[in-house]
Amino acid sequence: MKKNILGVVLCGGQSVRMGEDKGLITYQGISLVQTQYKKLQSICDRVVASINPEQVDAYGKVVISDSLIVDSVSIPGPLKGLLSVHQAFPNKDLLVLACDVPLITEELLTKLIETSSFAPSHEFYVYCNADEYEPLVGIYKSNGLSRIKSLFDDGKLERYSMKNALATGDTHTLDIEEADKAYFKNFNFKGDLYTDLSDSSPENKVD
């Protein structure tokens, strides 16, 4: 059963180390943004892709335009995309999945949703590896995002990273089991593309 939560694929980074837009890189016939989009579609009522203004035309060719949320908040880093989606959907909790962690499974995403249902009082839900947050795979509830946005608007947000937002919020963490650690691998360089992806059957466009 799909959950009433907005799925968000974060794609708006600069992809400096990769040398080209990571979300549009194809592997076995499907782009990384499509890979992530399809996973979220299976468990969320609606899915959007967070992009920067320069990506609109290119992403419009692989993702339905109504599902593209362009950065609208002037804050550095991935937090820009997160708060821009929150600004567009202020009452929605967000299940966030970056385009460059394509090995994440639907089971790991579902576990986040189940945890947020069992312990609903927290603002954020993320995996943790050796006391380090994995901020690009997580649930960010609307009340927590509203608080972060207010801090930013008031000039009281000292650092703009997603890890800082988690550290200063009411964050519930899930320890990553040893067998699951490989699923959190970041694809930052072209050589990383030789890692096998799961569920990589091609599609022309996602909606």
Foldseek 3Di string as FASTA:
>chain_A
DADAAEEEEEQADPLVQAPDRQQQDAAQAAGLVVLRQVLNVVHHPYYAYEYEPVCQVVVVQAEPNVRYQYFDDPFDDSLSSVLSVCVVVLQHKYFAAYSFLQLDHSVVLVVQVVVCVVVVPFQKEFEAEPNHTLQRGIIGGNVLSVVVVVCVVVVNQPDRDSSSSCVPTRYDYDYDDPVCPSSRDGDSYPVVSVDDGPPRDHDRHDD
